[in-house]
Protein backbone atom coordinates (compact mmCIF):
# COMPACT_ATOMS: atom_id res chain seq x y z
CA UNK A 1 -14.79 -7.13 -0.18
CA UNK A 2 -16.72 -3.94 0.93
CA UNK A 3 -15.10 -1.15 2.95
CA UNK A 4 -17.21 -2.20 5.66
CA UNK A 5 -16.15 -5.91 5.50
CA UNK A 6 -12.54 -4.72 5.30
CA UNK A 7 -12.86 -2.98 8.33
CA UNK A 8 -14.55 -5.60 10.44
CA UNK A 9 -12.01 -8.04 9.29
CA UNK A 10 -9.20 -5.80 10.34
CA UNK A 11 -11.01 -5.08 13.69
CA UNK A 12 -11.46 -8.71 14.29
CA UNK A 13 -8.21 -9.76 14.37
CA UNK A 14 -6.15 -10.13 17.54
CA UNK A 15 -2.74 -9.63 15.68
CA UNK A 16 -3.20 -5.88 15.28
CA UNK A 17 -3.19 -3.48 18.24
CA UNK A 18 -3.00 0.32 18.44
CA UNK A 19 0.46 2.01 19.31
CA UNK A 20 0.47 5.55 20.65
CA UNK A 21 3.59 6.97 18.75
CA UNK A 22 5.41 10.47 18.32
CA UNK A 23 6.72 12.01 15.09
CA UNK A 24 10.62 11.88 15.71
CA UNK A 25 11.71 12.82 12.36
CA UNK A 26 10.55 14.14 8.82
CA UNK A 27 12.52 13.65 5.85
CA UNK A 28 11.34 15.15 2.66
CA UNK A 29 12.21 12.64 -0.30
CA UNK A 30 10.75 14.14 -3.23
CA UNK A 31 8.23 17.25 -3.60
CA UNK A 32 5.45 14.73 -3.27
CA UNK A 33 6.85 11.85 -0.93
CA UNK A 34 7.66 12.53 2.84
CA UNK A 35 8.98 9.95 5.21
CA UNK A 36 7.71 10.27 8.85
CA UNK A 37 9.95 8.42 11.47
CA UNK A 38 7.32 7.75 14.48
CA UNK A 39 9.02 6.63 17.90
CA UNK A 40 7.68 5.09 21.24
CA UNK A 41 9.20 2.73 23.58
CA UNK A 42 6.06 0.29 22.53
CA UNK A 43 7.48 0.05 19.21
CA UNK A 44 9.62 -2.75 20.51
CA UNK A 45 6.39 -4.77 20.52
CA UNK A 46 5.54 -4.30 17.03
CA UNK A 47 6.35 -6.46 14.06
CA UNK A 48 6.37 -6.47 10.46
CA UNK A 49 5.68 -9.55 8.11
CA UNK A 50 6.10 -8.42 4.43
CA UNK A 51 7.25 -5.49 2.79
CA UNK A 52 3.70 -4.45 1.80
CA UNK A 53 2.50 -4.68 5.41
CA UNK A 54 -0.64 -2.75 5.94
CA UNK A 55 -1.21 -0.30 9.04
CA UNK A 56 -3.67 2.10 9.94
CA UNK A 57 -3.08 5.35 11.03
CA UNK A 58 -5.24 7.28 13.30
CA UNK A 59 -4.89 11.13 13.04
CA UNK A 60 -5.95 13.71 15.99
CA UNK A 61 -8.94 16.00 15.40
CA UNK A 62 -8.21 19.68 15.51
CA UNK A 63 -7.54 20.83 19.14
CA UNK A 64 -6.23 17.24 20.05
CA UNK A 65 -2.72 16.38 21.20
CA UNK A 66 -3.30 12.95 20.06
CA UNK A 67 -6.04 11.02 18.32
CA UNK A 68 -8.75 9.49 20.87
CA UNK A 69 -9.63 6.17 19.53
CA UNK A 70 -11.81 3.62 21.76
CA UNK A 71 -10.27 0.60 23.53
CA UNK A 72 -11.23 -2.97 23.95
CA UNK A 73 -12.49 -5.92 22.01
CA UNK A 74 -15.55 -3.58 20.36
CA UNK A 75 -13.25 -0.89 19.82
CA UNK A 76 -13.95 -0.78 16.07
CA UNK A 77 -17.97 -0.85 16.39
CA UNK A 78 -17.74 1.82 18.95
CA UNK A 79 -15.25 3.87 16.82
CA UNK A 80 -17.58 3.72 13.67
CA UNK A 81 -20.51 4.81 15.87
CA UNK A 82 -18.97 8.09 16.60
CA UNK A 83 -20.10 11.10 14.88
CA UNK A 84 -17.85 12.54 12.23
CA UNK A 85 -16.79 15.47 14.75
CA UNK A 86 -15.76 13.27 17.31
CA UNK A 87 -14.07 10.21 15.19
CA UNK A 88 -10.42 10.28 14.62
CA UNK A 89 -9.87 9.96 10.92
CA UNK A 90 -8.01 6.79 10.06
CA UNK A 91 -6.30 5.63 6.84
CA UNK A 92 -4.04 2.89 5.52
CA UNK A 93 -0.37 2.85 5.05
CA UNK A 94 2.50 0.66 4.28
CA UNK A 95 4.71 0.16 7.01
CA UNK A 96 8.00 1.14 5.39
CA UNK A 97 10.53 0.18 7.71
CA UNK A 98 10.50 -0.97 11.38
CA UNK A 99 13.30 -0.99 14.15
CA UNK A 100 11.96 -2.27 16.87
CA UNK A 101 15.32 -2.16 19.16
CA UNK A 102 15.24 1.62 18.37
CA UNK A 103 11.50 2.00 18.81
CA UNK A 104 11.39 3.38 15.63
CA UNK A 105 8.88 2.88 12.63
CA UNK A 106 8.81 4.74 9.16
CA UNK A 107 5.98 5.81 7.27
CA UNK A 108 6.07 7.34 3.94
CA UNK A 109 3.31 9.92 3.26
CA UNK A 110 2.23 11.26 -0.44
CA UNK A 111 1.41 15.06 -0.10
CA UNK A 112 -1.50 15.75 -2.51
CA UNK A 113 -2.31 19.18 -0.79
CA UNK A 114 -4.40 20.16 2.21
CA UNK A 115 -7.77 17.96 0.62
CA UNK A 116 -7.63 15.12 3.22
CA UNK A 117 -6.85 14.60 6.79
CA UNK A 118 -3.74 12.58 6.03
CA UNK A 119 -2.17 14.97 3.79
CA UNK A 120 -3.05 17.89 5.76
CA UNK A 121 -1.71 16.38 8.67
CA UNK A 122 1.41 15.49 7.03
CA UNK A 123 1.91 19.21 5.57
CA UNK A 124 1.84 20.60 8.87
CA UNK A 125 3.13 17.80 11.28
CA UNK A 126 6.09 18.68 13.47
CA UNK A 127 8.43 16.55 15.85
CA UNK A 128 6.64 15.28 18.60
CA UNK A 129 2.98 15.25 17.23
CA UNK A 130 1.41 12.28 17.84
CA UNK A 131 -0.62 9.60 15.98
CA UNK A 132 -1.92 6.21 16.62
CA UNK A 133 -0.80 3.25 14.67
CA UNK A 134 -2.64 -0.11 14.31
CA UNK A 135 0.16 -2.39 13.60
CA UNK A 136 0.82 -6.17 14.00
CA UNK A 137 1.68 -7.06 17.69
CA UNK A 138 4.68 -8.89 18.15
CA UNK A 139 3.51 -10.57 21.31
CA UNK A 140 1.01 -12.41 19.20
CA UNK A 141 2.29 -15.50 17.29
CA UNK A 142 -0.35 -15.74 14.67
CA UNK A 143 0.38 -13.97 11.33
CA UNK A 144 -1.37 -10.62 10.68
CA UNK A 145 -2.07 -11.73 7.10
CA UNK A 146 -1.97 -7.89 6.38
CA UNK A 147 0.27 -7.91 3.41
CA UNK A 148 0.02 -9.38 -0.14
CA UNK A 149 3.30 -9.92 -1.08
CA UNK A 150 3.57 -13.97 -1.16
CA UNK A 151 5.50 -14.90 -4.14
CA UNK A 152 6.11 -18.56 -4.79
CA UNK A 153 9.85 -19.95 -4.10
CA UNK A 154 10.42 -20.75 -7.77
CA UNK A 155 8.98 -17.54 -9.52
CA UNK A 156 11.36 -16.68 -12.37
CA UNK A 157 9.41 -12.85 -13.20
CA UNK A 158 8.05 -10.31 -11.40
CA UNK A 159 5.54 -7.80 -12.74
CA UNK A 160 5.23 -4.82 -10.36
CA UNK A 161 2.32 -1.94 -11.39
CA UNK A 162 1.90 0.90 -8.86
CA UNK A 163 1.17 4.57 -8.49
CA UNK A 164 2.83 6.75 -5.66
CA UNK A 165 0.39 5.48 -2.80
CA UNK A 166 1.75 2.32 -3.40
CA UNK A 167 5.33 3.07 -4.03
CA UNK A 168 6.39 2.55 -0.69
CA UNK A 169 5.28 -1.06 -0.84
CA UNK A 170 7.03 -1.58 -4.15
CA UNK A 171 10.34 -0.26 -2.48
CA UNK A 172 10.04 -2.40 -0.17
CA UNK A 173 9.43 -5.55 -2.60
CA UNK A 174 12.42 -4.41 -4.59
CA UNK A 175 14.86 -4.32 -1.38
CA UNK A 176 13.22 -7.72 -0.47
CA UNK A 177 14.07 -9.04 -3.97
CA UNK A 178 17.59 -7.69 -4.17
CA UNK A 179 18.41 -9.75 -1.38
CA UNK A 180 17.42 -13.05 -2.83
CA UNK A 181 20.42 -15.34 -3.80
CA UNK A 182 19.25 -15.51 -7.32
CA UNK A 183 16.56 -12.90 -8.08
CA UNK A 184 14.12 -13.03 -10.82
CA UNK A 185 13.45 -10.85 -13.82
CA UNK A 186 11.78 -7.88 -12.38
CA UNK A 187 9.73 -5.70 -14.49
CA UNK A 188 8.32 -2.30 -12.73
CA UNK A 189 6.17 0.38 -13.78
CA UNK A 190 5.91 3.38 -11.29
CA UNK A 191 3.67 6.43 -11.64
CA UNK A 192 4.53 9.54 -9.82
CA UNK A 193 3.45 13.26 -9.87
CA UNK A 194 6.73 14.89 -11.11
CA UNK A 195 9.91 14.00 -12.60
CA UNK A 196 11.28 15.15 -9.56
CA UNK A 197 9.56 12.33 -7.48
CA UNK A 198 11.53 9.78 -9.22
CA UNK A 199 13.56 8.14 -6.22
CA UNK A 200 16.81 6.20 -6.08
CA UNK A 201 15.60 2.62 -5.34
CA UNK A 202 17.17 -0.41 -4.06
CA UNK A 203 16.61 -3.01 -6.76
CA UNK A 204 17.73 -6.65 -8.19
CA UNK A 205 20.50 -6.17 -10.61
CA UNK A 206 18.90 -5.92 -14.09
CA UNK A 207 15.63 -4.85 -13.01
CA UNK A 208 13.60 -2.58 -15.56
CA UNK A 209 12.03 0.27 -13.83
CA UNK A 210 9.77 2.51 -15.91
CA UNK A 211 9.26 6.03 -14.11
CA UNK A 212 6.10 7.33 -15.39
CA UNK A 213 5.40 11.19 -14.36
CA UNK A 214 1.64 12.48 -14.69
CA UNK A 215 2.73 16.06 -15.01
CA UNK A 216 -0.88 16.73 -15.19
CA UNK A 217 -2.29 13.62 -16.46
CA UNK A 218 -5.36 11.68 -15.07
CA UNK A 219 -4.17 9.28 -12.15
CA UNK A 220 -3.35 6.01 -13.50
CA UNK A 221 -3.33 7.03 -17.17
CA UNK A 222 0.60 6.87 -17.46
CA UNK A 223 0.20 3.53 -16.20
CA UNK A 224 -2.27 2.11 -18.33
CA UNK A 225 -0.52 3.55 -21.46
CA UNK A 226 2.82 2.13 -20.45
CA UNK A 227 1.43 -1.39 -19.13
CA UNK A 228 -0.59 -1.64 -22.48
CA UNK A 229 2.57 -0.62 -24.80
CA UNK A 230 4.78 -3.25 -23.13
CA UNK A 231 2.82 -6.01 -22.25
CA UNK A 232 0.61 -7.52 -24.95
CA UNK A 233 -1.12 -10.72 -26.06
CA UNK A 234 1.87 -11.97 -27.93
CA UNK A 235 3.79 -12.17 -24.61
CA UNK A 236 2.65 -14.18 -21.33
CA UNK A 237 -0.45 -15.82 -21.54
CA UNK A 238 -2.72 -18.21 -23.30
CA UNK A 239 -5.22 -16.13 -25.13
CA UNK A 240 -8.02 -14.02 -24.03
CA UNK A 241 -9.79 -15.11 -20.88
CA UNK A 242 -13.51 -14.15 -19.29
CA UNK A 243 -13.29 -12.00 -16.56
CA UNK A 244 -15.94 -10.81 -13.93
CA UNK A 245 -16.16 -7.03 -13.59
CA UNK A 246 -16.36 -5.41 -10.16
CA UNK A 247 -18.31 -2.39 -9.07
CA UNK A 248 -15.27 -0.31 -7.58
CA UNK A 249 -17.68 2.25 -6.42
CA UNK A 250 -19.33 -0.06 -4.23
CA UNK A 251 -16.66 -2.73 -3.46
CA UNK A 252 -13.11 -2.74 -2.88
CA UNK A 253 -10.91 -4.66 -5.51
CA UNK A 254 -9.01 -6.48 -3.43
CA UNK A 255 -7.72 -9.83 -5.29
CA UNK A 256 -4.65 -12.21 -3.86
CA UNK A 257 -2.57 -14.21 -6.27
CA UNK A 258 -2.33 -18.10 -5.30
CA UNK A 259 -0.10 -19.17 -7.95
CA UNK A 260 2.39 -18.36 -10.83
CA UNK A 261 2.12 -18.47 -14.53
CA UNK A 262 4.89 -19.62 -16.48
CA UNK A 263 7.19 -18.38 -13.70
CA UNK A 264 5.47 -14.94 -13.69
CA UNK A 265 3.79 -13.45 -10.49
CA UNK A 266 2.61 -9.93 -10.56
CA UNK A 267 1.31 -7.31 -7.93
CA UNK A 268 -0.70 -4.46 -9.09
CA UNK A 269 -1.89 -1.37 -6.62
CA UNK A 270 -3.03 2.07 -6.91
CA UNK A 271 -6.04 4.11 -7.75
CA UNK A 272 -8.85 1.60 -8.36
CA UNK A 273 -10.18 2.62 -11.86
CA UNK A 274 -6.72 2.36 -13.26
CA UNK A 275 -6.05 -1.05 -11.43
CA UNK A 276 -9.41 -1.95 -13.02
CA UNK A 277 -8.29 -1.02 -16.52
CA UNK A 278 -4.93 -2.83 -16.20
CA UNK A 279 -6.80 -5.99 -14.62
CA UNK A 280 -8.82 -6.02 -17.84
CA UNK A 281 -6.15 -5.77 -20.06
CA UNK A 282 -3.45 -8.09 -18.17
CA UNK A 283 -6.15 -11.18 -17.81
CA UNK A 284 -8.77 -10.38 -20.68
CA UNK A 285 -6.25 -9.14 -23.49
CA UNK A 286 -3.01 -10.80 -22.49
CA UNK A 287 -4.72 -13.84 -21.24
CA UNK A 288 -2.43 -14.25 -17.82
CA UNK A 289 -4.12 -16.59 -15.27
CA UNK A 290 -5.91 -14.20 -12.82
CA UNK A 291 -4.47 -16.45 -9.88
CA UNK A 292 -0.93 -15.42 -10.83
CA UNK A 293 -1.76 -11.36 -10.13
CA UNK A 294 -2.47 -9.55 -7.00
CA UNK A 295 -5.04 -6.72 -7.94
CA UNK A 296 -5.34 -3.89 -5.19
CA UNK A 297 -7.53 -0.63 -5.53
CA UNK A 298 -5.63 1.32 -2.62
CA UNK A 299 -7.80 4.44 -3.37
CA UNK A 300 -10.87 5.29 -5.38
CA UNK A 301 -10.57 8.69 -7.16
CA UNK A 302 -13.66 10.79 -5.30
CA UNK A 303 -14.25 8.34 -2.61
CA UNK A 304 -12.76 7.71 0.80
CA UNK A 305 -11.99 4.19 1.69
CA UNK A 306 -10.72 3.61 5.31
């Protein structure tokens, strides 16, 4: 799916709409992760359908009190047509938690310095600052389809692989699994910037959480090394399988699992290059059926994916 196709798909959905919200609380979770609690009465009309529910966040340009985003059915085409100096920056995030009765929604931000509009905004944000959230509309019955965590009811084993950009989604997935009457076996590989970024997560009893601190290593390298070391051809799978390559500099890596294999269901998200390498290992080397794994390039090193 190209970036343009993904954006057009999002814009075409009648299930999402724009919410004007203000920052109510800013909580430091770790040196690299901040939780923003946004609030507005209209949040009562927002919904979330999965622990990895995708939303879009629009940030104000310098000098603006709030982002200026076109309205109406063709808003996205008019938004994309704006020059860079007039177009509110937009980034994709996970809806971490929603409290519609309180009019509050949580979004966790990864801080990586003033190198992009989202991290820069998060570093400087103060209570009262406004952003726009493109989120599912509770007044629309149809599903937003803006989530990928859709495990079969009979799943016995769950594999989660994520860098810090996907950590909010994995945290929500683990919380959801912990509520199952009979949770599956869970193995999660979680890469963060520093040891101090390791968070206490609610997870099913017996879940194996492997925290991997980069501490200067390349993004995704710790994940690749750990997955290769702990998941090999002798485990799950039926031998090496052919696998089509994806040009991750031209197309977004986004493959939805549609089944499970021998009770296994996997969810892999993070930097696209690392996800591609893990995809090759799990499918080609380990022989795991690609239909049992969701692969998502949340971001690409050196590129902007809105």
